[in-house]
C-alpha cells in the first residue's frame, strides 16, 4: 500500500552475431547461431528516472567488431529522456559494453560497487586474460569522475531508493552488481551479466568470461532468490527479452521492451 513501483525498459543498442559455443563453458550445447544483444535499461516512475549502464559508442563498436543498431541516445530519446538531463546512472560493472558513451551524461552521478573500482584498478588487471573486457578509457574516466565528485560507491547489499535494491554478486567481474526493482507485477531482477542468457540459469552453465566461477554460480542462486519467479528475471544479453516482453510502443518493437509488464508467454525450463 503506497509502495513505490517502477516501469523498466530494456533498450537494445547493439548486437553481435556469434555461435552457441561462444556463450557457454561445458555442457551438451548444440552449436548454432546464438546472437548477443546489448542493452541498457531505464527504471522510472513519477518521482525518479535512473539509467542503468551506458553501453558503447560507434568507435568502440568498430574496435570490438560489434554493430550499433540504435545509438544509446536514440533509445533514450524514444522514451522522452534527454541524456544531458539524466541525474543518476547505475553501472552494473565497468566492462566496455556497460560503461562507455562518456559524452552522453555530463550531469549524472554514477553509482558503482566499490569492489568493482578496486578490481579494475588493481593487480588482476596485470593479466590480459582478465583485463580484456575493460576499456582503459572507461576506467580512466571513472577515476576522473571520482575526483570530480560524480562517483558514488555502493555497498554489497544496498538500497538505492524505495523499491530499488542493489546486490553485489561478482563472478563475471569481481564487483558486478544486480538490481531488484519493485514493479506492478512484483519484484523484477535486472541480472545484467550475472546471467547473459536465460540458458545460463536454466542449464547451470558458465559464461566464458568469468573471474570467479564459484561466485558466478552463487550469483545464479542469488538472482533466483531475489526475483518473484523465473519469469521476473531479465538476463543481460538475450535476444529473447525483446520477443517475450511487449514493446514500449509500436514504433519500438524489436528494440525497446517493457520488462515491468508480464511476458507474452512463459518459458518452460
Protein backbone atom coordinates (compact mmCIF):
# COMPACT_ATOMS: atom_id res chain seq x y z
CA UNK A 1 0.00 0.00 0.00
CA UNK A 2 1.63 3.20 -1.09
CA UNK A 3 4.84 1.36 -2.02
CA UNK A 4 6.76 2.76 -4.96
CA UNK A 5 6.67 0.76 -8.16
CA UNK A 6 8.52 1.36 -11.42
CA UNK A 7 8.42 0.88 -15.13
CA UNK A 8 11.51 -0.84 -16.57
CA UNK A 9 12.65 -0.50 -20.17
CA UNK A 10 15.22 -2.72 -21.88
CA UNK A 11 16.79 -0.74 -24.74
CA UNK A 12 18.80 -2.63 -27.34
CA UNK A 13 21.59 -0.55 -28.81
CA UNK A 14 23.91 -3.10 -30.46
CA UNK A 15 24.29 -6.73 -31.48
CA UNK A 16 26.91 -9.33 -32.30
CA UNK A 17 26.48 -12.44 -34.42
CA UNK A 18 28.08 -15.45 -32.74
CA UNK A 19 27.56 -19.14 -32.05
CA UNK A 20 26.31 -21.02 -29.02
CA UNK A 21 29.76 -22.47 -28.30
CA UNK A 22 30.98 -18.91 -27.69
CA UNK A 23 28.47 -18.38 -24.88
CA UNK A 24 28.87 -21.41 -22.59
CA UNK A 25 31.58 -23.36 -20.79
CA UNK A 26 30.95 -27.10 -20.90
CA UNK A 27 27.66 -28.93 -21.17
CA UNK A 28 25.93 -30.54 -24.11
CA UNK A 29 25.48 -27.43 -26.24
CA UNK A 30 24.05 -27.92 -29.71
CA UNK A 31 26.14 -25.42 -31.61
CA UNK A 32 24.43 -22.99 -33.92
CA UNK A 33 23.80 -19.28 -34.30
CA UNK A 34 23.23 -17.56 -30.95
CA UNK A 35 23.35 -13.80 -31.34
CA UNK A 36 24.13 -11.45 -28.48
CA UNK A 37 22.09 -8.30 -27.92
CA UNK A 38 23.49 -5.34 -25.98
CA UNK A 39 21.14 -3.43 -23.69
CA UNK A 40 20.92 -0.51 -21.37
CA UNK A 41 17.93 -0.19 -19.04
CA UNK A 42 15.78 2.63 -17.74
CA UNK A 43 13.96 2.46 -14.41
CA UNK A 44 11.41 5.19 -13.80
CA UNK A 45 8.28 6.37 -12.08
CA UNK A 46 6.80 9.79 -11.34
CA UNK A 47 9.48 10.51 -8.73
CA UNK A 48 12.70 9.46 -10.45
CA UNK A 49 14.40 8.23 -13.62
CA UNK A 50 17.56 6.09 -13.47
CA UNK A 51 19.65 4.90 -16.39
CA UNK A 52 21.29 1.51 -15.82
CA UNK A 53 24.53 1.08 -17.78
CA UNK A 54 25.64 3.31 -20.63
CA UNK A 55 26.70 0.96 -23.46
CA UNK A 56 29.40 1.74 -26.01
CA UNK A 57 29.70 4.14 -28.94
CA UNK A 58 30.49 3.68 -32.63
CA UNK A 59 34.26 3.93 -32.14
CA UNK A 60 34.19 1.11 -29.58
CA UNK A 61 31.85 -0.92 -31.80
CA UNK A 62 34.40 -0.74 -34.61
CA UNK A 63 37.25 -1.60 -32.26
CA UNK A 64 35.41 -4.63 -30.82
CA UNK A 65 33.70 -5.62 -34.11
CA UNK A 66 30.17 -5.10 -32.87
CA UNK A 67 27.24 -3.48 -34.67
CA UNK A 68 25.38 -0.46 -33.33
CA UNK A 69 21.72 -0.76 -34.30
CA UNK A 70 20.37 2.24 -32.37
CA UNK A 71 22.74 4.60 -30.56
CA UNK A 72 22.00 4.80 -26.84
CA UNK A 73 20.88 8.43 -27.05
CA UNK A 74 18.33 7.46 -29.73
CA UNK A 75 16.76 4.87 -27.47
CA UNK A 76 16.57 7.32 -24.60
CA UNK A 77 15.01 9.96 -26.83
CA UNK A 78 12.28 7.48 -27.78
CA UNK A 79 11.33 7.46 -24.09
CA UNK A 80 11.45 11.25 -23.85
CA UNK A 81 14.73 11.25 -21.93
CA UNK A 82 17.45 13.78 -22.72
CA UNK A 83 20.80 12.25 -21.82
CA UNK A 84 22.25 15.53 -20.55
CA UNK A 85 19.34 15.82 -18.10
CA UNK A 86 19.94 12.40 -16.50
CA UNK A 87 20.95 12.87 -12.87
CA UNK A 88 21.80 9.29 -11.85
CA UNK A 89 23.37 6.33 -13.65
CA UNK A 90 23.85 2.91 -12.07
CA UNK A 91 26.66 0.86 -13.60
CA UNK A 92 26.31 -2.87 -13.02
CA UNK A 93 30.05 -3.20 -13.74
CA UNK A 94 32.71 -1.47 -15.81
CA UNK A 95 33.18 -3.76 -18.81
CA UNK A 96 33.39 -1.88 -22.11
CA UNK A 97 29.81 -2.69 -23.15
CA UNK A 98 28.33 -1.31 -19.93
CA UNK A 99 30.39 1.77 -19.10
CA UNK A 100 31.12 3.78 -22.25
CA UNK A 101 29.46 6.73 -24.03
CA UNK A 102 31.14 9.21 -21.70
CA UNK A 103 29.87 12.26 -23.55
CA UNK A 104 26.19 11.45 -23.01
CA UNK A 105 25.64 12.05 -19.29
CA UNK A 106 27.68 15.11 -18.26
CA UNK A 107 25.47 15.94 -15.28
CA UNK A 108 25.00 12.47 -13.83
CA UNK A 109 26.29 10.84 -10.67
CA UNK A 110 27.50 7.28 -11.25
CA UNK A 111 26.70 4.53 -8.74
CA UNK A 112 29.25 1.68 -8.72
CA UNK A 113 30.25 -1.10 -6.35
CA UNK A 114 33.43 -0.10 -4.54
CA UNK A 115 34.78 -3.58 -5.17
CA UNK A 116 34.46 -3.10 -8.94
CA UNK A 117 36.64 0.02 -8.87
CA UNK A 118 39.20 -1.78 -6.71
CA UNK A 119 39.16 -4.72 -9.12
CA UNK A 120 39.60 -2.85 -12.40
CA UNK A 121 42.43 -0.69 -11.00
CA UNK A 122 44.16 -3.49 -9.08
CA UNK A 123 46.71 -6.20 -9.65
CA UNK A 124 44.36 -8.55 -11.51
CA UNK A 125 44.49 -6.12 -14.42
CA UNK A 126 48.11 -7.22 -14.98
CA UNK A 127 46.64 -10.26 -16.75
CA UNK A 128 45.36 -9.73 -20.32
CA UNK A 129 43.01 -12.68 -19.83
CA UNK A 130 41.27 -10.70 -17.06
CA UNK A 131 41.57 -7.14 -18.30
CA UNK A 132 40.39 -7.63 -21.90
CA UNK A 133 36.67 -6.88 -21.20
CA UNK A 134 37.65 -3.46 -19.81
CA UNK A 135 38.41 -0.43 -21.96
CA UNK A 136 41.19 1.62 -20.44
CA UNK A 137 39.46 4.86 -21.45
CA UNK A 138 36.37 3.83 -19.45
CA UNK A 139 38.42 3.09 -16.34
CA UNK A 140 40.29 6.40 -16.67
CA UNK A 141 37.00 8.26 -16.99
CA UNK A 142 35.67 6.68 -13.81
CA UNK A 143 38.75 7.89 -11.95
CA UNK A 144 38.07 11.38 -13.33
CA UNK A 145 34.50 11.17 -12.04
CA UNK A 146 35.76 10.08 -8.64
CA UNK A 147 37.88 13.19 -8.25
CA UNK A 148 35.17 15.40 -9.74
CA UNK A 149 32.74 14.22 -7.07
CA UNK A 150 30.48 12.43 -9.57
CA UNK A 151 31.07 8.85 -8.34
CA UNK A 152 29.09 7.17 -5.58
CA UNK A 153 30.37 3.91 -4.08
CA UNK A 154 27.66 1.40 -3.15
CA UNK A 155 27.75 -1.33 -0.53
CA UNK A 156 27.47 -5.04 -1.44
CA UNK A 157 23.85 -5.00 -0.21
CA UNK A 158 22.42 -1.52 -0.68
CA UNK A 159 19.17 0.35 -1.19
CA UNK A 160 19.21 2.93 -3.94
CA UNK A 161 15.67 4.21 -3.34
CA UNK A 162 12.35 2.80 -2.13
CA UNK A 163 11.68 -0.19 -4.36
CA UNK A 164 15.21 -0.45 -5.82
CA UNK A 165 17.94 -2.52 -4.19
CA UNK A 166 21.50 -3.30 -5.33
CA UNK A 167 23.36 -6.57 -4.75
CA UNK A 168 26.99 -7.42 -5.44
CA UNK A 169 27.26 -10.93 -6.88
CA UNK A 170 30.64 -10.92 -8.64
CA UNK A 171 31.54 -13.88 -10.84
CA UNK A 172 31.73 -12.32 -14.30
CA UNK A 173 33.62 -9.38 -12.79
CA UNK A 174 34.54 -9.11 -9.15
CA UNK A 175 32.30 -6.12 -8.46
CA UNK A 176 29.32 -7.00 -10.66
CA UNK A 177 26.02 -5.87 -9.12
CA UNK A 178 22.43 -6.76 -9.96
CA UNK A 179 19.27 -4.74 -9.30
CA UNK A 180 15.99 -5.75 -7.74
CA UNK A 181 13.11 -3.47 -8.75
CA UNK A 182 9.55 -3.42 -7.46
CA UNK A 183 7.02 -3.31 -10.30
CA UNK A 184 3.26 -3.65 -10.56
CA UNK A 185 3.77 -7.38 -11.27
CA UNK A 186 6.21 -7.93 -8.41
CA UNK A 187 9.97 -7.90 -7.86
CA UNK A 188 11.90 -7.97 -11.13
CA UNK A 189 15.65 -8.63 -11.16
CA UNK A 190 17.86 -6.98 -13.77
CA UNK A 191 20.53 -9.66 -13.81
CA UNK A 192 22.88 -7.85 -16.17
CA UNK A 193 25.89 -10.12 -16.71
CA UNK A 194 25.18 -12.31 -13.72
CA UNK A 195 23.31 -14.25 -16.43
CA UNK A 196 23.92 -13.26 -20.04
CA UNK A 197 21.18 -15.58 -21.35
CA UNK A 198 18.19 -17.40 -19.90
CA UNK A 199 20.12 -20.56 -20.72
CA UNK A 200 22.82 -19.84 -18.17
CA UNK A 201 20.29 -20.06 -15.37
CA UNK A 202 18.30 -22.91 -16.86
CA UNK A 203 21.28 -25.13 -17.75
CA UNK A 204 23.59 -24.01 -14.93
CA UNK A 205 26.48 -23.40 -17.27
CA UNK A 206 29.01 -20.58 -17.01
CA UNK A 207 29.66 -17.80 -19.49
CA UNK A 208 33.26 -17.96 -20.81
CA UNK A 209 34.25 -14.52 -19.44
CA UNK A 210 34.45 -15.33 -15.74
CA UNK A 211 36.69 -14.14 -12.93
CA UNK A 212 35.36 -16.36 -10.14
CA UNK A 213 33.41 -19.47 -11.11
CA UNK A 214 32.09 -20.04 -7.59
CA UNK A 215 30.76 -16.50 -7.37
CA UNK A 216 29.12 -16.90 -10.77
CA UNK A 217 27.14 -19.95 -9.66
CA UNK A 218 26.31 -18.35 -6.32
CA UNK A 219 25.11 -15.39 -8.37
CA UNK A 220 22.68 -17.61 -10.26
CA UNK A 221 21.18 -18.66 -6.95
CA UNK A 222 21.02 -15.07 -5.71
CA UNK A 223 19.24 -13.89 -8.86
CA UNK A 224 16.59 -16.58 -8.40
CA UNK A 225 16.26 -15.82 -4.70
CA UNK A 226 15.63 -12.11 -5.26
CA UNK A 227 13.13 -12.45 -8.13
CA UNK A 228 9.47 -13.25 -7.50
CA UNK A 229 9.70 -16.07 -10.07
CA UNK A 230 11.82 -17.20 -13.00
CA UNK A 231 9.55 -15.01 -15.14
CA UNK A 232 10.76 -11.96 -13.19
CA UNK A 233 14.43 -12.39 -14.23
CA UNK A 234 15.84 -10.30 -17.07
CA UNK A 235 19.21 -11.53 -18.37
CA UNK A 236 21.77 -9.11 -19.70
CA UNK A 237 22.19 -10.05 -23.37
CA UNK A 238 19.48 -12.46 -24.50
CA UNK A 239 17.57 -11.52 -27.71
CA UNK A 240 14.60 -13.45 -26.29
CA UNK A 241 13.90 -10.49 -23.98
CA UNK A 242 12.62 -8.46 -26.93
CA UNK A 243 10.49 -11.36 -28.15
CA UNK A 244 8.99 -12.18 -24.75
CA UNK A 245 8.11 -8.70 -23.50
CA UNK A 246 5.80 -6.07 -25.01
CA UNK A 247 7.39 -3.13 -26.81
CA UNK A 248 7.38 0.32 -25.24
CA UNK A 249 5.40 1.48 -28.29
CA UNK A 250 4.56 0.09 -31.74
CA UNK A 251 7.49 2.08 -33.14
CA UNK A 252 9.97 0.37 -30.83
CA UNK A 253 9.02 -3.28 -31.43
CA UNK A 254 12.19 -5.38 -31.51
CA UNK A 255 14.16 -2.54 -29.96
CA UNK A 256 12.72 -1.30 -26.64
CA UNK A 257 10.72 -3.62 -24.35
CA UNK A 258 8.72 -3.05 -21.16
CA UNK A 259 10.06 -5.73 -18.82
CA UNK A 260 7.99 -4.49 -15.88
CA UNK A 261 4.97 -5.88 -17.73
CA UNK A 262 4.19 -9.62 -17.90
CA UNK A 263 5.81 -11.55 -20.76
CA UNK A 264 3.70 -12.55 -23.75
CA UNK A 265 4.31 -16.18 -22.85
CA UNK A 266 6.11 -18.10 -20.15
CA UNK A 267 9.14 -20.24 -20.75
CA UNK A 268 9.35 -23.92 -19.84
CA UNK A 269 12.69 -24.89 -18.24
